[in-house]
């Protein structure tokens, strides 16, 4: 999720997905599909822990962003 331009996982996988969801909701897009990581819902797994460590918090940013998006779409109902 980090880029050559200096963005980090929090910028992309947390704030980026929230920003995208807000734009979708504002424009009446009924569903936003986020392709993430299979391990994101398994925080106790070795894969999650490894990716989170190597990726400087990437897995935490992913699940927090996804949870926030779910909340945004629920509150719109």
Foldseek 3Di string as FASTA:
>chain_A
DADPVGDALLVCQAVVLLVVLVVCVVVVNLDDDDDDDPCLVPCVDPVNVVCCVVRVRNSVSNVNRVVVSVVVNVVSD
